């Protein structure tokens, strides 16, 4: 069963990712699902994001080194911030 989620990315990254997904004959949603499946299906656990092996084709999507931002805010404040940004 598919479940919808909302994600926010830099517009340039989205455009490149869509192009890449299309070149592979899939939608951006299916590409994202594929990547999440690869990350979460591994029998070993990862201590940090840097421990996750990233295939070469992911490098094709990104121009620069990935910067991982982790939120220290509560989910309530993040939700409020999100809705205010949509006004």
N, C-alpha and C. Protein backbone atom coordinates (compact mmCIF):
# COMPACT_ATOMS: atom_id res chain seq x y z
N UNK A 1 0.84 -1.17 0.00
CA UNK A 1 0.00 0.00 0.00
C UNK A 1 0.89 1.25 0.00
N UNK A 2 0.64 2.16 -0.90
CA UNK A 2 1.40 3.40 -0.97
C UNK A 2 0.88 4.40 0.06
N UNK A 3 1.79 5.14 0.64
CA UNK A 3 1.48 6.21 1.58
C UNK A 3 2.17 7.47 1.11
N UNK A 4 1.46 8.58 1.12
CA UNK A 4 2.04 9.84 0.67
C UNK A 4 2.79 10.51 1.81
N UNK A 5 3.93 11.15 1.44
CA UNK A 5 4.69 11.95 2.38
C UNK A 5 5.05 13.25 1.69
N UNK A 6 5.41 14.25 2.46
CA UNK A 6 5.85 15.52 1.91
C UNK A 6 7.30 15.73 2.29
N UNK A 7 8.13 15.98 1.29
CA UNK A 7 9.55 16.24 1.51
C UNK A 7 9.91 17.56 0.84
N UNK A 8 10.88 18.24 1.38
CA UNK A 8 11.36 19.50 0.78
C UNK A 8 12.82 19.35 0.41
N UNK A 9 13.13 19.67 -0.86
CA UNK A 9 14.49 19.59 -1.36
C UNK A 9 14.79 20.85 -2.17
N UNK A 10 16.06 21.10 -2.40
CA UNK A 10 16.46 22.18 -3.28
C UNK A 10 15.90 21.90 -4.68
N UNK A 11 15.36 22.93 -5.33
CA UNK A 11 14.71 22.77 -6.63
C UNK A 11 15.66 22.17 -7.68
N UNK A 12 16.93 22.57 -7.68
CA UNK A 12 17.89 22.04 -8.66
C UNK A 12 18.11 20.55 -8.47
N UNK A 13 18.15 20.11 -7.21
CA UNK A 13 18.33 18.68 -6.92
C UNK A 13 17.12 17.90 -7.41
N UNK A 14 15.92 18.44 -7.18
CA UNK A 14 14.70 17.77 -7.63
C UNK A 14 14.70 17.61 -9.15
N UNK A 15 15.07 18.67 -9.86
CA UNK A 15 15.09 18.59 -11.33
C UNK A 15 16.07 17.52 -11.81
N UNK A 16 17.25 17.48 -11.23
CA UNK A 16 18.24 16.48 -11.61
C UNK A 16 17.77 15.08 -11.25
N UNK A 17 17.18 14.94 -10.09
CA UNK A 17 16.69 13.63 -9.66
C UNK A 17 15.56 13.15 -10.56
N UNK A 18 14.68 14.05 -10.96
CA UNK A 18 13.59 13.68 -11.88
C UNK A 18 14.15 13.22 -13.22
N UNK A 19 15.14 13.95 -13.72
CA UNK A 19 15.77 13.56 -14.98
C UNK A 19 16.42 12.18 -14.86
N UNK A 20 17.12 11.97 -13.75
CA UNK A 20 17.76 10.67 -13.55
C UNK A 20 16.72 9.56 -13.47
N UNK A 21 15.67 9.78 -12.68
CA UNK A 21 14.62 8.78 -12.54
C UNK A 21 14.00 8.46 -13.90
N UNK A 22 13.73 9.48 -14.69
CA UNK A 22 13.15 9.28 -16.03
C UNK A 22 14.09 8.46 -16.91
N UNK A 23 15.39 8.72 -16.79
CA UNK A 23 16.35 7.97 -17.60
C UNK A 23 16.38 6.49 -17.20
N UNK A 24 15.92 6.20 -16.00
CA UNK A 24 15.88 4.82 -15.51
C UNK A 24 14.49 4.20 -15.69
N UNK A 25 13.57 4.97 -16.29
CA UNK A 25 12.23 4.47 -16.55
C UNK A 25 11.36 4.38 -15.30
N UNK A 26 11.58 5.30 -14.37
CA UNK A 26 10.76 5.29 -13.16
C UNK A 26 10.46 6.71 -12.72
N UNK A 27 9.49 6.82 -11.84
CA UNK A 27 9.14 8.13 -11.29
C UNK A 27 10.10 8.50 -10.17
N UNK A 28 10.10 9.76 -9.81
CA UNK A 28 10.92 10.21 -8.69
C UNK A 28 10.46 9.53 -7.40
N UNK A 29 9.18 9.32 -7.25
CA UNK A 29 8.67 8.62 -6.07
C UNK A 29 9.23 7.21 -5.97
N UNK A 30 9.24 6.49 -7.09
CA UNK A 30 9.76 5.12 -7.07
C UNK A 30 11.27 5.10 -6.85
N UNK A 31 11.99 6.08 -7.40
CA UNK A 31 13.42 6.17 -7.16
C UNK A 31 13.69 6.40 -5.68
N UNK A 32 12.95 7.31 -5.08
CA UNK A 32 13.10 7.58 -3.65
C UNK A 32 12.77 6.34 -2.83
N UNK A 33 11.70 5.66 -3.18
CA UNK A 33 11.32 4.43 -2.48
C UNK A 33 12.43 3.37 -2.61
N UNK A 34 12.99 3.26 -3.81
CA UNK A 34 14.08 2.31 -4.05
C UNK A 34 15.27 2.60 -3.15
N UNK A 35 15.64 3.88 -3.06
CA UNK A 35 16.78 4.27 -2.23
C UNK A 35 16.51 4.01 -0.76
N UNK A 36 15.32 4.35 -0.29
CA UNK A 36 14.97 4.08 1.12
C UNK A 36 14.99 2.58 1.40
N UNK A 37 14.52 1.80 0.45
CA UNK A 37 14.52 0.34 0.62
C UNK A 37 15.95 -0.18 0.75
N UNK A 38 16.85 0.34 -0.08
CA UNK A 38 18.24 -0.10 -0.02
C UNK A 38 18.88 0.26 1.32
N UNK A 39 18.58 1.44 1.83
CA UNK A 39 19.15 1.89 3.09
C UNK A 39 18.62 1.08 4.27
N UNK A 40 17.33 0.80 4.25
CA UNK A 40 16.70 0.16 5.42
C UNK A 40 16.70 -1.35 5.38
N UNK A 41 17.00 -1.96 4.26
CA UNK A 41 16.92 -3.42 4.16
C UNK A 41 18.22 -4.13 4.50
N UNK A 42 19.27 -3.36 4.71
CA UNK A 42 20.56 -3.96 5.02
C UNK A 42 20.52 -4.62 6.39
N UNK A 43 21.09 -5.82 6.51
CA UNK A 43 21.08 -6.51 7.80
C UNK A 43 21.95 -5.83 8.85
N UNK A 44 22.89 -5.01 8.42
CA UNK A 44 23.74 -4.33 9.40
C UNK A 44 23.14 -2.96 9.71
N UNK A 45 23.41 -2.50 10.90
CA UNK A 45 22.91 -1.18 11.27
C UNK A 45 24.02 -0.16 11.04
N UNK A 46 23.62 1.06 10.83
CA UNK A 46 24.56 2.13 10.56
C UNK A 46 24.64 3.06 11.76
N UNK A 47 25.85 3.40 12.16
CA UNK A 47 26.04 4.29 13.31
C UNK A 47 25.79 5.74 12.93
N UNK A 48 26.02 6.09 11.66
CA UNK A 48 25.80 7.46 11.21
C UNK A 48 25.46 7.45 9.72
N UNK A 49 25.06 8.60 9.21
CA UNK A 49 24.73 8.71 7.79
C UNK A 49 25.95 8.44 6.92
N UNK A 50 27.13 8.80 7.41
CA UNK A 50 28.34 8.59 6.64
C UNK A 50 28.67 7.11 6.46
N UNK A 51 28.09 6.24 7.29
CA UNK A 51 28.34 4.80 7.19
C UNK A 51 27.52 4.14 6.09
N UNK A 52 26.50 4.81 5.61
CA UNK A 52 25.63 4.23 4.59
C UNK A 52 26.36 4.25 3.25
N UNK A 53 26.54 3.08 2.61
CA UNK A 53 27.21 3.08 1.31
C UNK A 53 26.32 3.73 0.25
N UNK A 54 26.88 4.63 -0.51
CA UNK A 54 26.12 5.32 -1.54
C UNK A 54 26.67 4.90 -2.89
N UNK A 55 25.79 4.37 -3.71
CA UNK A 55 26.20 3.88 -5.03
C UNK A 55 26.60 5.04 -5.93
N UNK A 56 27.37 4.71 -6.95
CA UNK A 56 27.85 5.73 -7.87
C UNK A 56 26.72 6.52 -8.53
N UNK A 57 25.57 5.85 -8.78
CA UNK A 57 24.51 6.57 -9.48
C UNK A 57 23.92 7.68 -8.63
N UNK A 58 24.07 7.61 -7.32
CA UNK A 58 23.60 8.70 -6.48
C UNK A 58 24.48 9.93 -6.71
N UNK A 59 25.75 9.71 -6.93
CA UNK A 59 26.66 10.83 -7.19
C UNK A 59 26.29 11.57 -8.46
N UNK A 60 25.63 10.89 -9.39
CA UNK A 60 25.20 11.54 -10.62
C UNK A 60 24.13 12.58 -10.34
N UNK A 61 23.35 12.38 -9.30
CA UNK A 61 22.25 13.28 -8.98
C UNK A 61 22.75 14.53 -8.27
N UNK A 62 23.74 14.39 -7.44
CA UNK A 62 24.24 15.51 -6.65
C UNK A 62 25.48 16.12 -7.26
N UNK A 63 25.59 17.43 -7.19
CA UNK A 63 26.79 18.11 -7.68
C UNK A 63 27.84 18.24 -6.59
N UNK A 64 27.39 18.45 -5.37
CA UNK A 64 28.31 18.74 -4.29
C UNK A 64 28.24 17.65 -3.23
N UNK A 65 29.15 17.74 -2.28
CA UNK A 65 29.14 16.84 -1.13
C UNK A 65 27.83 17.04 -0.37
N UNK A 66 27.20 15.97 0.01
CA UNK A 66 25.95 16.06 0.76
C UNK A 66 26.19 16.64 2.14
N UNK A 67 25.31 17.53 2.54
CA UNK A 67 25.36 18.09 3.88
C UNK A 67 24.10 17.63 4.59
N UNK A 68 24.27 16.91 5.66
CA UNK A 68 23.15 16.38 6.40
C UNK A 68 22.79 17.32 7.52
N UNK A 69 21.54 17.75 7.51
CA UNK A 69 21.07 18.65 8.55
C UNK A 69 20.13 17.87 9.46
N UNK A 70 20.41 17.90 10.72
CA UNK A 70 19.53 17.24 11.66
C UNK A 70 18.83 18.28 12.50
N UNK A 71 17.55 18.09 12.69
CA UNK A 71 16.75 19.05 13.43
C UNK A 71 16.81 18.74 14.92
N UNK A 72 16.99 19.78 15.70
CA UNK A 72 16.94 19.62 17.14
C UNK A 72 15.65 20.23 17.69
N UNK A 73 14.79 20.65 16.79
CA UNK A 73 13.53 21.25 17.19
C UNK A 73 12.49 20.16 17.43
N UNK A 74 11.47 20.52 18.17
CA UNK A 74 10.38 19.58 18.42
C UNK A 74 9.54 19.43 17.16
N UNK A 75 8.81 18.34 17.06
CA UNK A 75 7.96 18.13 15.89
C UNK A 75 6.88 19.20 15.82
N UNK A 76 6.43 19.68 16.95
CA UNK A 76 5.41 20.73 16.97
C UNK A 76 5.96 22.02 16.37
N UNK A 77 7.18 22.40 16.77
CA UNK A 77 7.75 23.64 16.23
C UNK A 77 8.10 23.49 14.75
N UNK A 78 8.52 22.30 14.35
CA UNK A 78 8.81 22.07 12.93
C UNK A 78 7.54 22.16 12.10
N UNK A 79 6.45 21.61 12.62
CA UNK A 79 5.17 21.66 11.91
C UNK A 79 4.73 23.11 11.76
N UNK A 80 4.84 23.89 12.83
CA UNK A 80 4.46 25.30 12.79
C UNK A 80 5.32 26.04 11.78
N UNK A 81 6.63 25.79 11.81
CA UNK A 81 7.55 26.43 10.87
C UNK A 81 7.20 26.08 9.43
N UNK A 82 6.86 24.82 9.19
CA UNK A 82 6.49 24.38 7.84
C UNK A 82 5.25 25.12 7.35
N UNK A 83 4.19 25.16 8.17
CA UNK A 83 2.96 25.80 7.75
C UNK A 83 3.15 27.30 7.55
N UNK A 84 3.99 27.93 8.36
CA UNK A 84 4.25 29.36 8.17
C UNK A 84 5.01 29.62 6.88
N UNK A 85 5.87 28.69 6.49
CA UNK A 85 6.63 28.86 5.26
C UNK A 85 5.77 28.70 4.02
N UNK A 86 4.62 28.07 4.16
CA UNK A 86 3.72 27.82 3.03
C UNK A 86 2.76 28.97 2.78
N UNK A 87 2.76 29.99 3.66
CA UNK A 87 1.83 31.13 3.54
C UNK A 87 2.27 32.07 2.45
